[in-house]
C-alpha atoms as a PDB file:
ATOM      1  CA  ILE A   1     -38.658  45.454 -45.441  1.00  0.00           C
ATOM      2  CA  ASN A   2     -35.806  43.311 -44.192  1.00  0.00           C
ATOM      3  CA  TYR A   3     -37.391  39.860 -44.029  1.00  0.00           C
ATOM      4  CA  ARG A   4     -34.450  38.573 -41.967  1.00  0.00           C
ATOM      5  CA  THR A   5     -35.030  40.965 -39.067  1.00  0.00           C
ATOM      6  CA  GLN A   6     -38.690  41.972 -39.430  1.00  0.00           C
ATOM      7  CA  ASP A   7     -41.999  40.133 -39.655  1.00  0.00           C
ATOM      8  CA  PHE A   8     -42.893  41.065 -43.226  1.00  0.00           C
ATOM      9  CA  VAL A   9     -46.597  40.294 -42.752  1.00  0.00           C
ATOM     10  CA  ALA A  10     -46.809  42.731 -39.838  1.00  0.00           C
ATOM     11  CA  GLU A  11     -44.795  45.352 -41.742  1.00  0.00           C
ATOM     12  CA  VAL A  12     -46.982  45.088 -44.852  1.00  0.00           C
ATOM     13  CA  LYS A  13     -50.113  45.445 -42.729  1.00  0.00           C
ATOM     14  CA  HIS A  14     -48.591  48.432 -40.902  1.00  0.00           C
ATOM     15  CA  LEU A  15     -47.419  50.186 -44.078  1.00  0.00           C
ATOM     16  CA  SER A  16     -50.751  49.608 -45.841  1.00  0.00           C
ATOM     17  CA  GLY A  17     -52.872  50.793 -42.924  1.00  0.00           C
ATOM     18  CA  GLY A  18     -54.087  47.233 -42.303  1.00  0.00           C
ATOM     19  CA  ARG A  19     -55.422  46.827 -45.833  1.00  0.00           C
ATOM     20  CA  GLY A  20     -52.690  44.694 -47.393  1.00  0.00           C
ATOM     21  CA  VAL A  21     -51.283  44.939 -50.899  1.00  0.00           C
ATOM     22  CA  ASP A  22     -52.984  44.361 -54.239  1.00  0.00           C
ATOM     23  CA  VAL A  23     -50.225  42.376 -55.991  1.00  0.00           C
ATOM     24  CA  ILE A  24     -47.286  40.232 -54.903  1.00  0.00           C
ATOM     25  CA  LEU A  25     -44.667  38.983 -57.364  1.00  0.00           C
ATOM     26  CA  ASP A  26     -43.139  35.912 -55.717  1.00  0.00           C
ATOM     27  CA  MET A  27     -39.823  34.309 -56.647  1.00  0.00           C
ATOM     28  CA  VAL A  28     -39.590  32.142 -53.512  1.00  0.00           C
ATOM     29  CA  ALA A  29     -42.903  30.225 -53.131  1.00  0.00           C
ATOM     30  CA  GLY A  30     -42.657  27.270 -50.724  1.00  0.00           C
ATOM     31  CA  GLY A  31     -43.251  28.308 -47.123  1.00  0.00           C
ATOM     32  CA  TYR A  32     -43.713  31.971 -48.054  1.00  0.00           C
ATOM     33  CA  VAL A  33     -47.032  31.470 -49.863  1.00  0.00           C
ATOM     34  CA  ALA A  34     -49.136  31.251 -46.682  1.00  0.00           C
ATOM     35  CA  ARG A  35     -47.599  34.480 -45.325  1.00  0.00           C
ATOM     36  CA  GLU A  36     -47.956  36.245 -48.658  1.00  0.00           C
ATOM     37  CA  ILE A  37     -51.666  35.405 -48.685  1.00  0.00           C
ATOM     38  CA  GLN A  38     -51.911  37.143 -45.307  1.00  0.00           C
ATOM     39  CA  CYS A  39     -50.277  40.224 -46.891  1.00  0.00           C
ATOM     40  CA  LEU A  40     -52.828  40.501 -49.702  1.00  0.00           C
ATOM     41  CA  ALA A  41     -55.760  42.892 -49.667  1.00  0.00           C
ATOM     42  CA  ASP A  42     -59.179  41.500 -50.552  1.00  0.00           C
ATOM     43  CA  ASP A  43     -59.313  40.759 -54.311  1.00  0.00           C
ATOM     44  CA  GLY A  44     -55.487  40.688 -54.295  1.00  0.00           C
ATOM     45  CA  ARG A  45     -53.289  38.707 -56.653  1.00  0.00           C
ATOM     46  CA  LEU A  46     -50.247  36.545 -56.001  1.00  0.00           C
ATOM     47  CA  SER A  47     -48.123  35.747 -59.029  1.00  0.00           C
ATOM     48  CA  ILE A  48     -45.498  33.035 -58.552  1.00  0.00           C
ATOM     49  CA  ILE A  49     -42.650  33.236 -61.067  1.00  0.00           C
ATOM     50  CA  ALA A  50     -40.049  30.948 -59.458  1.00  0.00           C
ATOM     51  CA  VAL A  51     -39.807  28.365 -56.688  1.00  0.00           C
ATOM     52  CA  GLN A  52     -36.480  29.104 -55.006  1.00  0.00           C
ATOM     53  CA  GLY A  53     -37.991  28.156 -51.634  1.00  0.00           C
ATOM     54  CA  GLY A  54     -39.560  24.940 -52.860  1.00  0.00           C
ATOM     55  CA  SER A  55     -42.432  23.913 -55.088  1.00  0.00           C
ATOM     56  CA  LYS A  56     -44.849  22.821 -52.345  1.00  0.00           C
ATOM     57  CA  ALA A  57     -46.908  25.188 -50.200  1.00  0.00           C
ATOM     58  CA  GLU A  58     -49.598  24.795 -47.566  1.00  0.00           C
ATOM     59  CA  PHE A  59     -52.117  27.622 -47.100  1.00  0.00           C
ATOM     60  CA  ASP A  60     -55.650  28.378 -45.939  1.00  0.00           C
ATOM     61  CA  ALA A  61     -57.798  27.778 -49.034  1.00  0.00           C
ATOM     62  CA  GLY A  62     -60.802  29.168 -47.148  1.00  0.00           C
ATOM     63  CA  ALA A  63     -59.094  32.573 -46.942  1.00  0.00           C
ATOM     64  CA  LEU A  64     -58.473  32.375 -50.673  1.00  0.00           C
ATOM     65  CA  LEU A  65     -62.196  31.930 -51.301  1.00  0.00           C
ATOM     66  CA  ARG A  66     -63.538  34.346 -48.683  1.00  0.00           C
ATOM     67  CA  ARG A  67     -61.251  37.161 -49.784  1.00  0.00           C
ATOM     68  CA  ARG A  68     -61.557  36.465 -53.542  1.00  0.00           C
ATOM     69  CA  LEU A  69     -57.779  36.094 -53.969  1.00  0.00           C
ATOM     70  CA  THR A  70     -56.084  34.908 -57.154  1.00  0.00           C
ATOM     71  CA  ILE A  71     -52.886  32.851 -57.379  1.00  0.00           C
ATOM     72  CA  THR A  72     -51.256  32.504 -60.774  1.00  0.00           C
ATOM     73  CA  GLY A  73     -48.016  31.008 -62.003  1.00  0.00           C
ATOM     74  CA  SER A  74     -45.744  31.776 -64.918  1.00  0.00           C
ATOM     75  CA  ALA A  75     -42.383  30.516 -66.099  1.00  0.00           C
END
């Protein structure tokens, strides 16, 4: 997926049949976190390993709870 020319959330949903993905390994963080949460399937996991896009993120915590998502970090 070319994130510069395509909406990666829409592409992930399309390629996964609307389900989303189970795991995302994120090196960007920042403003991408909210969109990555939209890409996750229920019970999905987001692992943040770097913050090239910034260390602060705003996202829908309700979606995190309703869909039983997990966000972890590692250095």
